[in-house]
């Protein structure tokens, strides 16, 4: 079964921001080397910063996209953070699409 991974922040976990950023970078970079890739990566909230210009994981995300991973960013979040002209990987999805994806899948992981 293919997985959908939801990424709702530009860092992993609570606590010190620096370690959270390091962990997120290791997590996304680590996906590139996995034999099994997620079907989709969905970015929302502060997570949309990871698909925008200046992202520390841009190379990994571009590689994942080239390997067939569908990368989707929440339109509402992209607009809220003023990133609509800075998105450099994947595509922008709307809430009805995201809801449909989530309701159709049994294997969704939130990071």
PDB file of N, CA and C in Angstrom:
ATOM      1  N   UNK A   1       0.836  -1.180   0.000  1.00  0.00           N
ATOM      2  CA  UNK A   1       0.000   0.000   0.000  1.00  0.00           C
ATOM      3  C   UNK A   1       0.888   1.253   0.000  1.00  0.00           C
ATOM      4  N   UNK A   2       0.589   2.191  -0.846  1.00  0.00           N
ATOM      5  CA  UNK A   2       1.338   3.443  -0.920  1.00  0.00           C
ATOM      6  C   UNK A   2       0.906   4.377   0.205  1.00  0.00           C
ATOM      7  N   UNK A   3       1.848   5.110   0.729  1.00  0.00           N
ATOM      8  CA  UNK A   3       1.582   6.015   1.844  1.00  0.00           C
ATOM      9  C   UNK A   3       1.479   7.464   1.383  1.00  0.00           C
ATOM     10  N   UNK A   4       0.677   8.217   2.112  1.00  0.00           N
ATOM     11  CA  UNK A   4       0.655   9.674   1.983  1.00  0.00           C
ATOM     12  C   UNK A   4       1.269  10.216   3.263  1.00  0.00           C
ATOM     13  N   UNK A   5       2.219  11.113   3.119  1.00  0.00           N
ATOM     14  CA  UNK A   5       2.838  11.736   4.284  1.00  0.00           C
ATOM     15  C   UNK A   5       2.439  13.204   4.312  1.00  0.00           C
ATOM     16  N   UNK A   6       1.835  13.611   5.440  1.00  0.00           N
ATOM     17  CA  UNK A   6       1.450  15.001   5.654  1.00  0.00           C
ATOM     18  C   UNK A   6       2.562  15.687   6.442  1.00  0.00           C
ATOM     19  N   UNK A   7       3.002  16.819   5.952  1.00  0.00           N
ATOM     20  CA  UNK A   7       4.052  17.576   6.629  1.00  0.00           C
ATOM     21  C   UNK A   7       3.486  18.948   6.953  1.00  0.00           C
ATOM     22  N   UNK A   8       3.296  19.206   8.258  1.00  0.00           N
ATOM     23  CA  UNK A   8       2.604  20.422   8.675  1.00  0.00           C
ATOM     24  C   UNK A   8       3.515  21.481   9.288  1.00  0.00           C
ATOM     25  N   UNK A   9       4.818  21.290   9.172  1.00  0.00           N
ATOM     26  CA  UNK A   9       5.756  22.264   9.721  1.00  0.00           C
ATOM     27  C   UNK A   9       7.065  22.195   8.944  1.00  0.00           C
ATOM     28  N   UNK A  10       7.892  23.197   9.133  1.00  0.00           N
ATOM     29  CA  UNK A  10       9.216  23.178   8.507  1.00  0.00           C
ATOM     30  C   UNK A  10      10.246  22.531   9.431  1.00  0.00           C
ATOM     31  N   UNK A  11       9.771  21.968  10.538  1.00  0.00           N
ATOM     32  CA  UNK A  11      10.641  21.249  11.470  1.00  0.00           C
ATOM     33  C   UNK A  11       9.871  20.073  12.068  1.00  0.00           C
ATOM     34  N   UNK A  12      10.618  19.145  12.635  1.00  0.00           N
ATOM     35  CA  UNK A  12      10.000  17.975  13.270  1.00  0.00           C
ATOM     36  C   UNK A  12      10.000  18.161  14.779  1.00  0.00           C
ATOM     37  N   UNK A  13       8.895  17.811  15.384  1.00  0.00           N
ATOM     38  CA  UNK A  13       8.809  17.774  16.832  1.00  0.00           C
ATOM     39  C   UNK A  13       8.707  19.130  17.499  1.00  0.00           C
ATOM     40  N   UNK A  14       8.686  19.073  18.801  1.00  0.00           N
ATOM     41  CA  UNK A  14       8.617  20.262  19.648  1.00  0.00           C
ATOM     42  C   UNK A  14      10.001  20.523  20.231  1.00  0.00           C
ATOM     43  N   UNK A  15      10.140  21.655  20.876  1.00  0.00           N
ATOM     44  CA  UNK A  15      11.417  21.964  21.515  1.00  0.00           C
ATOM     45  C   UNK A  15      12.248  22.913  20.685  1.00  0.00           C
ATOM     46  N   UNK A  16      13.542  22.788  20.810  1.00  0.00           N
ATOM     47  CA  UNK A  16      14.470  23.705  20.142  1.00  0.00           C
ATOM     48  C   UNK A  16      14.261  23.690  18.629  1.00  0.00           C
ATOM     49  N   UNK A  17      14.109  24.877  18.075  1.00  0.00           N
ATOM     50  CA  UNK A  17      13.867  25.017  16.641  1.00  0.00           C
ATOM     51  C   UNK A  17      14.985  24.403  15.816  1.00  0.00           C
ATOM     52  N   UNK A  18      16.219  24.628  16.233  1.00  0.00           N
ATOM     53  CA  UNK A  18      17.374  24.166  15.463  1.00  0.00           C
ATOM     54  C   UNK A  18      17.362  22.647  15.272  1.00  0.00           C
ATOM     55  N   UNK A  19      17.132  21.893  16.333  1.00  0.00           N
ATOM     56  CA  UNK A  19      17.121  20.438  16.202  1.00  0.00           C
ATOM     57  C   UNK A  19      15.924  19.979  15.363  1.00  0.00           C
ATOM     58  N   UNK A  20      14.809  20.688  15.473  1.00  0.00           N
ATOM     59  CA  UNK A  20      13.647  20.358  14.655  1.00  0.00           C
ATOM     60  C   UNK A  20      13.921  20.515  13.174  1.00  0.00           C
ATOM     61  N   UNK A  21      14.654  21.570  12.804  1.00  0.00           N
ATOM     62  CA  UNK A  21      15.025  21.789  11.398  1.00  0.00           C
ATOM     63  C   UNK A  21      16.002  20.713  10.923  1.00  0.00           C
ATOM     64  N   UNK A  22      16.956  20.368  11.783  1.00  0.00           N
ATOM     65  CA  UNK A  22      17.922  19.318  11.439  1.00  0.00           C
ATOM     66  C   UNK A  22      17.204  17.995  11.207  1.00  0.00           C
ATOM     67  N   UNK A  23      16.285  17.660  12.095  1.00  0.00           N
ATOM     68  CA  UNK A  23      15.558  16.392  11.965  1.00  0.00           C
ATOM     69  C   UNK A  23      14.707  16.351  10.695  1.00  0.00           C
ATOM     70  N   UNK A  24      14.028  17.457  10.376  1.00  0.00           N
ATOM     71  CA  UNK A  24      13.204  17.489   9.161  1.00  0.00           C
ATOM     72  C   UNK A  24      14.080  17.309   7.924  1.00  0.00           C
ATOM     73  N   UNK A  25      15.227  17.969   7.922  1.00  0.00           N
ATOM     74  CA  UNK A  25      16.140  17.843   6.781  1.00  0.00           C
ATOM     75  C   UNK A  25      16.595  16.394   6.628  1.00  0.00           C
ATOM     76  N   UNK A  26      16.949  15.746   7.727  1.00  0.00           N
ATOM     77  CA  UNK A  26      17.375  14.345   7.671  1.00  0.00           C
ATOM     78  C   UNK A  26      16.223  13.439   7.222  1.00  0.00           C
ATOM     79  N   UNK A  27      15.027  13.720   7.684  1.00  0.00           N
ATOM     80  CA  UNK A  27      13.860  12.921   7.319  1.00  0.00           C
ATOM     81  C   UNK A  27      13.608  12.985   5.817  1.00  0.00           C
ATOM     82  N   UNK A  28      13.539  14.185   5.269  1.00  0.00           N
ATOM     83  CA  UNK A  28      13.233  14.335   3.836  1.00  0.00           C
ATOM     84  C   UNK A  28      14.388  13.840   2.982  1.00  0.00           C
ATOM     85  N   UNK A  29      15.616  14.172   3.345  1.00  0.00           N
ATOM     86  CA  UNK A  29      16.765  13.667   2.581  1.00  0.00           C
ATOM     87  C   UNK A  29      16.823  12.147   2.633  1.00  0.00           C
ATOM     88  N   UNK A  30      16.451  11.558   3.770  1.00  0.00           N
ATOM     89  CA  UNK A  30      16.477  10.116   3.921  1.00  0.00           C
ATOM     90  C   UNK A  30      15.502   9.395   3.017  1.00  0.00           C
ATOM     91  N   UNK A  31      14.406  10.042   2.668  1.00  0.00           N
ATOM     92  CA  UNK A  31      13.413   9.417   1.785  1.00  0.00           C
ATOM     93  C   UNK A  31      13.983   9.127   0.405  1.00  0.00           C
ATOM     94  N   UNK A  32      14.934   9.943  -0.033  1.00  0.00           N
ATOM     95  CA  UNK A  32      15.502   9.774  -1.376  1.00  0.00           C
ATOM     96  C   UNK A  32      16.133   8.389  -1.521  1.00  0.00           C
ATOM     97  N   UNK A  33      16.777   7.901  -0.467  1.00  0.00           N
ATOM     98  CA  UNK A  33      17.467   6.628  -0.538  1.00  0.00           C
ATOM     99  C   UNK A  33      16.615   5.408  -0.230  1.00  0.00           C
ATOM    100  N   UNK A  34      15.370   5.599   0.107  1.00  0.00           N
ATOM    101  CA  UNK A  34      14.501   4.466   0.430  1.00  0.00           C
ATOM    102  C   UNK A  34      14.108   3.686  -0.823  1.00  0.00           C
ATOM    103  N   UNK A  35      13.988   2.381  -0.671  1.00  0.00           N
ATOM    104  CA  UNK A  35      13.496   1.569  -1.788  1.00  0.00           C
ATOM    105  C   UNK A  35      12.031   1.885  -2.082  1.00  0.00           C
ATOM    106  N   UNK A  36      11.229   2.007  -1.020  1.00  0.00           N
ATOM    107  CA  UNK A  36       9.809   2.341  -1.169  1.00  0.00           C
ATOM    108  C   UNK A  36       9.616   3.804  -0.843  1.00  0.00           C
ATOM    109  N   UNK A  37       9.079   4.528  -1.803  1.00  0.00           N
ATOM    110  CA  UNK A  37       8.808   5.947  -1.622  1.00  0.00           C
ATOM    111  C   UNK A  37       7.325   6.140  -1.301  1.00  0.00           C
ATOM    112  N   UNK A  38       6.994   7.242  -0.620  1.00  0.00           N
ATOM    113  CA  UNK A  38       5.570   7.544  -0.443  1.00  0.00           C
ATOM    114  C   UNK A  38       4.950   7.880  -1.796  1.00  0.00           C
ATOM    115  N   UNK A  39       3.659   7.680  -1.887  1.00  0.00           N
ATOM    116  CA  UNK A  39       2.947   8.056  -3.112  1.00  0.00           C
ATOM    117  C   UNK A  39       2.854   9.572  -3.224  1.00  0.00           C
ATOM    118  N   UNK A  40       2.576  10.208  -2.068  1.00  0.00           N
ATOM    119  CA  UNK A  40       2.381  11.657  -2.055  1.00  0.00           C
ATOM    120  C   UNK A  40       2.983  12.253  -0.796  1.00  0.00           C
ATOM    121  N   UNK A  41       3.508  13.459  -0.939  1.00  0.00           N
ATOM    122  CA  UNK A  41       3.892  14.301   0.191  1.00  0.00           C
ATOM    123  C   UNK A  41       2.982  15.514   0.133  1.00  0.00           C
ATOM    124  N   UNK A  42       2.257  15.757   1.212  1.00  0.00           N
ATOM    125  CA  UNK A  42       1.328  16.887   1.261  1.00  0.00           C
ATOM    126  C   UNK A  42       1.848  17.879   2.300  1.00  0.00           C
ATOM    127  N   UNK A  43       2.110  19.090   1.871  1.00  0.00           N
ATOM    128  CA  UNK A  43       2.636  20.136   2.738  1.00  0.00           C
ATOM    129  C   UNK A  43       1.537  21.139   3.063  1.00  0.00           C
ATOM    130  N   UNK A  44       1.391  21.446   4.349  1.00  0.00           N
ATOM    131  CA  UNK A  44       0.428  22.453   4.782  1.00  0.00           C
ATOM    132  C   UNK A  44       0.978  23.164   6.008  1.00  0.00           C
ATOM    133  N   UNK A  45       0.293  24.213   6.451  1.00  0.00           N
ATOM    134  CA  UNK A  45       0.821  25.004   7.562  1.00  0.00           C
ATOM    135  C   UNK A  45       2.207  25.521   7.209  1.00  0.00           C
ATOM    136  N   UNK A  46       3.087  25.592   8.207  1.00  0.00           N
ATOM    137  CA  UNK A  46       4.458  26.047   7.961  1.00  0.00           C
ATOM    138  C   UNK A  46       5.238  25.102   7.054  1.00  0.00           C
ATOM    139  N   UNK A  47       4.729  23.909   6.858  1.00  0.00           N
ATOM    140  CA  UNK A  47       5.391  22.957   5.974  1.00  0.00           C
ATOM    141  C   UNK A  47       5.557  23.453   4.552  1.00  0.00           C
ATOM    142  N   UNK A  48       4.680  24.363   4.109  1.00  0.00           N
ATOM    143  CA  UNK A  48       4.785  24.865   2.732  1.00  0.00           C
ATOM    144  C   UNK A  48       6.087  25.632   2.504  1.00  0.00           C
ATOM    145  N   UNK A  49       6.724  26.072   3.561  1.00  0.00           N
ATOM    146  CA  UNK A  49       8.016  26.756   3.394  1.00  0.00           C
ATOM    147  C   UNK A  49       9.081  25.822   2.829  1.00  0.00           C
ATOM    148  N   UNK A  50       8.892  24.523   3.013  1.00  0.00           N
ATOM    149  CA  UNK A  50       9.869  23.550   2.527  1.00  0.00           C
ATOM    150  C   UNK A  50       9.837  23.364   1.016  1.00  0.00           C
ATOM    151  N   UNK A  51       8.767  23.756   0.364  1.00  0.00           N
ATOM    152  CA  UNK A  51       8.672  23.608  -1.097  1.00  0.00           C
ATOM    153  C   UNK A  51       8.931  24.932  -1.809  1.00  0.00           C
ATOM    154  N   UNK A  52       9.304  25.936  -1.044  1.00  0.00           N
ATOM    155  CA  UNK A  52       9.510  27.283  -1.596  1.00  0.00           C
ATOM    156  C   UNK A  52      10.998  27.603  -1.753  1.00  0.00           C
ATOM    157  N   UNK A  53      11.238  28.615  -2.523  1.00  0.00           N
ATOM    158  CA  UNK A  53      12.581  29.142  -2.743  1.00  0.00           C
ATOM    159  C   UNK A  53      13.355  29.240  -1.426  1.00  0.00           C
ATOM    160  N   UNK A  54      14.595  28.774  -1.437  1.00  0.00           N
ATOM    161  CA  UNK A  54      15.442  28.849  -0.251  1.00  0.00           C
ATOM    162  C   UNK A  54      15.310  27.664   0.693  1.00  0.00           C
ATOM    163  N   UNK A  55      14.494  26.687   0.339  1.00  0.00           N
ATOM    164  CA  UNK A  55      14.287  25.527   1.197  1.00  0.00           C
ATOM    165  C   UNK A  55      15.577  24.718   1.341  1.00  0.00           C
ATOM    166  N   UNK A  56      15.901  24.295   2.563  1.00  0.00           N
ATOM    167  CA  UNK A  56      17.104  23.476   2.762  1.00  0.00           C
ATOM    168  C   UNK A  56      16.955  22.043   2.254  1.00  0.00           C
ATOM    169  N   UNK A  57      15.761  21.672   1.843  1.00  0.00           N
ATOM    170  CA  UNK A  57      15.532  20.308   1.332  1.00  0.00           C
ATOM    171  C   UNK A  57      15.074  20.306  -0.129  1.00  0.00           C
ATOM    172  N   UNK A  58      15.315  21.405  -0.817  1.00  0.00           N
ATOM    173  CA  UNK A  58      14.831  21.519  -2.195  1.00  0.00           C
ATOM    174  C   UNK A  58      15.409  20.428  -3.101  1.00  0.00           C
ATOM    175  N   UNK A  59      16.703  20.154  -3.008  1.00  0.00           N
ATOM    176  CA  UNK A  59      17.299  19.132  -3.873  1.00  0.00           C
ATOM    177  C   UNK A  59      16.651  17.770  -3.650  1.00  0.00           C
ATOM    178  N   UNK A  60      16.424  17.418  -2.389  1.00  0.00           N
ATOM    179  CA  UNK A  60      15.794  16.132  -2.074  1.00  0.00           C
ATOM    180  C   UNK A  60      14.368  16.087  -2.608  1.00  0.00           C
ATOM    181  N   UNK A  61      13.623  17.181  -2.455  1.00  0.00           N
ATOM    182  CA  UNK A  61      12.242  17.209  -2.941  1.00  0.00           C
ATOM    183  C   UNK A  61      12.182  17.109  -4.461  1.00  0.00           C
ATOM    184  N   UNK A  62      13.092  17.785  -5.141  1.00  0.00           N
ATOM    185  CA  UNK A  62      13.138  17.682  -6.603  1.00  0.00           C
ATOM    186  C   UNK A  62      13.472  16.254  -7.031  1.00  0.00           C
ATOM    187  N   UNK A  63      14.392  15.608  -6.308  1.00  0.00           N
ATOM    188  CA  UNK A  63      14.727  14.215  -6.604  1.00  0.00           C
ATOM    189  C   UNK A  63      13.522  13.311  -6.393  1.00  0.00           C
ATOM    190  N   UNK A  64      12.827  13.501  -5.271  1.00  0.00           N
ATOM    191  CA  UNK A  64      11.636  12.690  -4.995  1.00  0.00           C
ATOM    192  C   UNK A  64      10.576  12.884  -6.065  1.00  0.00           C
ATOM    193  N   UNK A  65      10.380  14.121  -6.477  1.00  0.00           N
ATOM    194  CA  UNK A  65       9.403  14.392  -7.532  1.00  0.00           C
ATOM    195  C   UNK A  65       9.815  13.681  -8.826  1.00  0.00           C
ATOM    196  N   UNK A  66      11.102  13.731  -9.156  1.00  0.00           N
ATOM    197  CA  UNK A  66      11.601  13.060 -10.364  1.00  0.00           C
ATOM    198  C   UNK A  66      11.462  11.543 -10.273  1.00  0.00           C
ATOM    199  N   UNK A  67      11.394  11.009  -9.042  1.00  0.00           N
ATOM    200  CA  UNK A  67      11.217   9.573  -8.821  1.00  0.00           C
ATOM    201  C   UNK A  67       9.738   9.187  -8.783  1.00  0.00           C
ATOM    202  N   UNK A  68       8.854  10.154  -9.013  1.00  0.00           N
ATOM    203  CA  UNK A  68       7.432   9.851  -9.111  1.00  0.00           C
ATOM    204  C   UNK A  68       6.592  10.188  -7.893  1.00  0.00           C
ATOM    205  N   UNK A  69       7.187  10.805  -6.876  1.00  0.00           N
ATOM    206  CA  UNK A  69       6.410  11.207  -5.700  1.00  0.00           C
ATOM    207  C   UNK A  69       5.624  12.468  -6.042  1.00  0.00           C
ATOM    208  N   UNK A  70       4.325  12.436  -5.817  1.00  0.00           N
ATOM    209  CA  UNK A  70       3.451  13.587  -6.059  1.00  0.00           C
ATOM    210  C   UNK A  70       3.572  14.528  -4.858  1.00  0.00           C
ATOM    211  N   UNK A  71       4.039  15.734  -5.104  1.00  0.00           N
ATOM    212  CA  UNK A  71       4.235  16.720  -4.038  1.00  0.00           C
ATOM    213  C   UNK A  71       3.155  17.788  -4.175  1.00  0.00           C
ATOM    214  N   UNK A  72       2.366  17.925  -3.114  1.00  0.00           N
ATOM    215  CA  UNK A  72       1.210  18.820  -3.146  1.00  0.00           C
ATOM    216  C   UNK A  72       1.305  19.802  -1.982  1.00  0.00           C
ATOM    217  N   UNK A  73       1.063  21.063  -2.265  1.00  0.00           N
ATOM    218  CA  UNK A  73       1.035  22.097  -1.228  1.00  0.00           C
ATOM    219  C   UNK A  73      -0.361  22.677  -1.111  1.00  0.00           C
ATOM    220  N   UNK A  74      -0.749  22.987   0.107  1.00  0.00           N
ATOM    221  CA  UNK A  74      -2.049  23.581   0.395  1.00  0.00           C
ATOM    222  C   UNK A  74      -2.099  25.013  -0.132  1.00  0.00           C
ATOM    223  N   UNK A  75      -3.049  25.284  -1.011  1.00  0.00           N
ATOM    224  CA  UNK A  75      -3.183  26.617  -1.609  1.00  0.00           C
ATOM    225  C   UNK A  75      -3.433  27.695  -0.554  1.00  0.00           C
ATOM    226  N   UNK A  76      -4.286  27.405   0.405  1.00  0.00           N
ATOM    227  CA  UNK A  76      -4.593  28.382   1.451  1.00  0.00           C
ATOM    228  C   UNK A  76      -3.334  28.762   2.219  1.00  0.00           C
ATOM    229  N   UNK A  77      -2.520  27.774   2.550  1.00  0.00           N
ATOM    230  CA  UNK A  77      -1.286  28.016   3.306  1.00  0.00           C
ATOM    231  C   UNK A  77      -0.260  28.772   2.464  1.00  0.00           C
ATOM    232  N   UNK A  78      -0.109  28.373   1.217  1.00  0.00           N
ATOM    233  CA  UNK A  78       0.828  29.044   0.315  1.00  0.00           C
ATOM    234  C   UNK A  78       0.459  30.520   0.199  1.00  0.00           C
ATOM    235  N   UNK A  79      -0.822  30.804   0.016  1.00  0.00           N
ATOM    236  CA  UNK A  79      -1.270  32.196  -0.101  1.00  0.00           C
ATOM    237  C   UNK A  79      -1.095  32.945   1.212  1.00  0.00           C
ATOM    238  N   UNK A  80      -1.419  32.310   2.324  1.00  0.00           N
ATOM    239  CA  UNK A  80      -1.308  32.957   3.638  1.00  0.00           C
ATOM    240  C   UNK A  80       0.127  33.410   3.909  1.00  0.00           C
ATOM    241  N   UNK A  81       1.088  32.570   3.580  1.00  0.00           N
ATOM    242  CA  UNK A  81       2.495  32.902   3.828  1.00  0.00           C
ATOM    243  C   UNK A  81       3.135  33.684   2.676  1.00  0.00           C
ATOM    244  N   UNK A  82       2.348  34.057   1.680  1.00  0.00           N
ATOM    245  CA  UNK A  82       2.859  34.876   0.571  1.00  0.00           C
ATOM    246  C   UNK A  82       3.891  34.160  -0.284  1.00  0.00           C
ATOM    247  N   UNK A  83       3.699  32.867  -0.490  1.00  0.00           N
ATOM    248  CA  UNK A  83       4.692  32.065  -1.207  1.00  0.00           C
ATOM    249  C   UNK A  83       4.275  31.658  -2.609  1.00  0.00           C
ATOM    250  N   UNK A  84       3.149  32.177  -3.089  1.00  0.00           N
ATOM    251  CA  UNK A  84       2.621  31.689  -4.368  1.00  0.00           C
ATOM    252  C   UNK A  84       3.600  31.852  -5.531  1.00  0.00           C
ATOM    253  N   UNK A  85       4.443  32.845  -5.488  1.00  0.00           N
ATOM    254  CA  UNK A  85       5.433  33.052  -6.565  1.00  0.00           C
ATOM    255  C   UNK A  85       6.757  32.359  -6.254  1.00  0.00           C
ATOM    256  N   UNK A  86       6.873  31.714  -5.099  1.00  0.00           N
ATOM    257  CA  UNK A  86       8.146  31.130  -4.673  1.00  0.00           C
ATOM    258  C   UNK A  86       8.145  29.606  -4.603  1.00  0.00           C
ATOM    259  N   UNK A  87       7.025  28.986  -4.932  1.00  0.00           N
ATOM    260  CA  UNK A  87       6.955  27.523  -4.897  1.00  0.00           C
ATOM    261  C   UNK A  87       7.795  26.972  -6.049  1.00  0.00           C
ATOM    262  N   UNK A  88       8.719  26.056  -5.722  1.00  0.00           N
ATOM    263  CA  UNK A  88       9.658  25.569  -6.736  1.00  0.00           C
ATOM    264  C   UNK A  88       9.587  24.074  -7.006  1.00  0.00           C
ATOM    265  N   UNK A  89       8.720  23.381  -6.295  1.00  0.00           N
ATOM    266  CA  UNK A  89       8.595  21.950  -6.532  1.00  0.00           C
ATOM    267  C   UNK A  89       7.149  21.537  -6.270  1.00  0.00           C
ATOM    268  N   UNK A  90       6.697  20.570  -7.025  1.00  0.00           N
ATOM    269  CA  UNK A  90       5.350  20.062  -6.823  1.00  0.00           C
ATOM    270  C   UNK A  90       4.283  20.964  -7.406  1.00  0.00           C
ATOM    271  N   UNK A  91       3.104  20.813  -6.851  1.00  0.00           N
ATOM    272  CA  UNK A  91       1.957  21.564  -7.345  1.00  0.00           C
ATOM    273  C   UNK A  91       1.118  22.032  -6.161  1.00  0.00           C
ATOM    274  N   UNK A  92       0.221  22.945  -6.447  1.00  0.00           N
ATOM    275  CA  UNK A  92      -0.660  23.494  -5.421  1.00  0.00           C
ATOM    276  C   UNK A  92      -2.001  22.767  -5.520  1.00  0.00           C
ATOM    277  N   UNK A  93      -2.487  22.316  -4.375  1.00  0.00           N
ATOM    278  CA  UNK A  93      -3.781  21.637  -4.328  1.00  0.00           C
ATOM    279  C   UNK A  93      -4.744  22.406  -3.443  1.00  0.00           C
ATOM    280  N   UNK A  94      -6.022  22.188  -3.655  1.00  0.00           N
ATOM    281  CA  UNK A  94      -7.015  22.885  -2.837  1.00  0.00           C
ATOM    282  C   UNK A  94      -7.580  21.930  -1.779  1.00  0.00           C
ATOM    283  N   UNK A  95      -8.328  22.472  -0.853  1.00  0.00           N
ATOM    284  CA  UNK A  95      -8.836  21.676   0.258  1.00  0.00           C
ATOM    285  C   UNK A  95      -9.748  20.533  -0.196  1.00  0.00           C
ATOM    286  N   UNK A  96     -10.654  20.742  -1.158  1.00  0.00           N
ATOM    287  CA  UNK A  96     -11.462  19.602  -1.598  1.00  0.00           C
ATOM    288  C   UNK A  96     -10.598  18.437  -2.114  1.00  0.00           C
ATOM    289  N   UNK A  97      -9.538  18.736  -2.850  1.00  0.00           N
ATOM    290  CA  UNK A  97      -8.646  17.676  -3.340  1.00  0.00           C
ATOM    291  C   UNK A  97      -7.961  16.971  -2.173  1.00  0.00           C
ATOM    292  N   UNK A  98      -7.453  17.756  -1.208  1.00  0.00           N
ATOM    293  CA  UNK A  98      -6.763  17.169  -0.063  1.00  0.00           C
ATOM    294  C   UNK A  98      -7.704  16.305   0.769  1.00  0.00           C
ATOM    295  N   UNK A  99      -8.929  16.784   0.983  1.00  0.00           N
ATOM    296  CA  UNK A  99      -9.910  15.986   1.720  1.00  0.00           C
ATOM    297  C   UNK A  99     -10.205  14.667   1.009  1.00  0.00           C
ATOM    298  N   UNK A 100     -10.376  14.724  -0.293  1.00  0.00           N
ATOM    299  CA  UNK A 100     -10.651  13.521  -1.073  1.00  0.00           C
ATOM    300  C   UNK A 100      -9.495  12.529  -0.945  1.00  0.00           C
ATOM    301  N   UNK A 101      -8.265  13.021  -1.073  1.00  0.00           N
ATOM    302  CA  UNK A 101      -7.089  12.152  -0.920  1.00  0.00           C
ATOM    303  C   UNK A 101      -7.080  11.455   0.430  1.00  0.00           C
ATOM    304  N   UNK A 102      -7.298  12.222   1.476  1.00  0.00           N
ATOM    305  CA  UNK A 102      -7.233  11.674   2.822  1.00  0.00           C
ATOM    306  C   UNK A 102      -8.353  10.681   3.107  1.00  0.00           C
ATOM    307  N   UNK A 103      -9.518  10.924   2.573  1.00  0.00           N
ATOM    308  CA  UNK A 103     -10.642  10.040   2.817  1.00  0.00           C
ATOM    309  C   UNK A 103     -10.534   8.730   2.017  1.00  0.00           C
ATOM    310  N   UNK A 104      -9.769   8.749   0.938  1.00  0.00           N
ATOM    311  CA  UNK A 104      -9.612   7.557   0.108  1.00  0.00           C
ATOM    312  C   UNK A 104      -8.482   6.655   0.566  1.00  0.00           C
ATOM    313  N   UNK A 105      -7.590   7.149   1.402  1.00  0.00           N
ATOM    314  CA  UNK A 105      -6.405   6.386   1.809  1.00  0.00           C
ATOM    315  C   UNK A 105      -6.531   5.866   3.224  1.00  0.00           C
ATOM    316  N   UNK A 106      -6.008   4.677   3.429  1.00  0.00           N
ATOM    317  CA  UNK A 106      -5.966   4.086   4.766  1.00  0.00           C
ATOM    318  C   UNK A 106      -4.611   4.327   5.429  1.00  0.00           C
ATOM    319  N   UNK A 107      -3.612   4.703   4.643  1.00  0.00           N
ATOM    320  CA  UNK A 107      -2.264   4.801   5.170  1.00  0.00           C
ATOM    321  C   UNK A 107      -1.738   6.231   5.056  1.00  0.00           C
ATOM    322  N   UNK A 108      -2.090   7.065   6.048  1.00  0.00           N
ATOM    323  CA  UNK A 108      -1.664   8.466   6.072  1.00  0.00           C
ATOM    324  C   UNK A 108      -0.823   8.675   7.318  1.00  0.00           C
ATOM    325  N   UNK A 109       0.332   9.267   7.135  1.00  0.00           N
ATOM    326  CA  UNK A 109       1.247   9.552   8.239  1.00  0.00           C
ATOM    327  C   UNK A 109       1.404  11.054   8.348  1.00  0.00           C
ATOM    328  N   UNK A 110       1.294  11.583   9.551  1.00  0.00           N
ATOM    329  CA  UNK A 110       1.509  13.012   9.777  1.00  0.00           C
ATOM    330  C   UNK A 110       2.837  13.215  10.493  1.00  0.00           C
ATOM    331  N   UNK A 111       3.651  14.080   9.949  1.00  0.00           N
ATOM    332  CA  UNK A 111       4.954  14.409  10.529  1.00  0.00           C
ATOM    333  C   UNK A 111       4.858  15.807  11.122  1.00  0.00           C
TER     334      UNK A 111
END
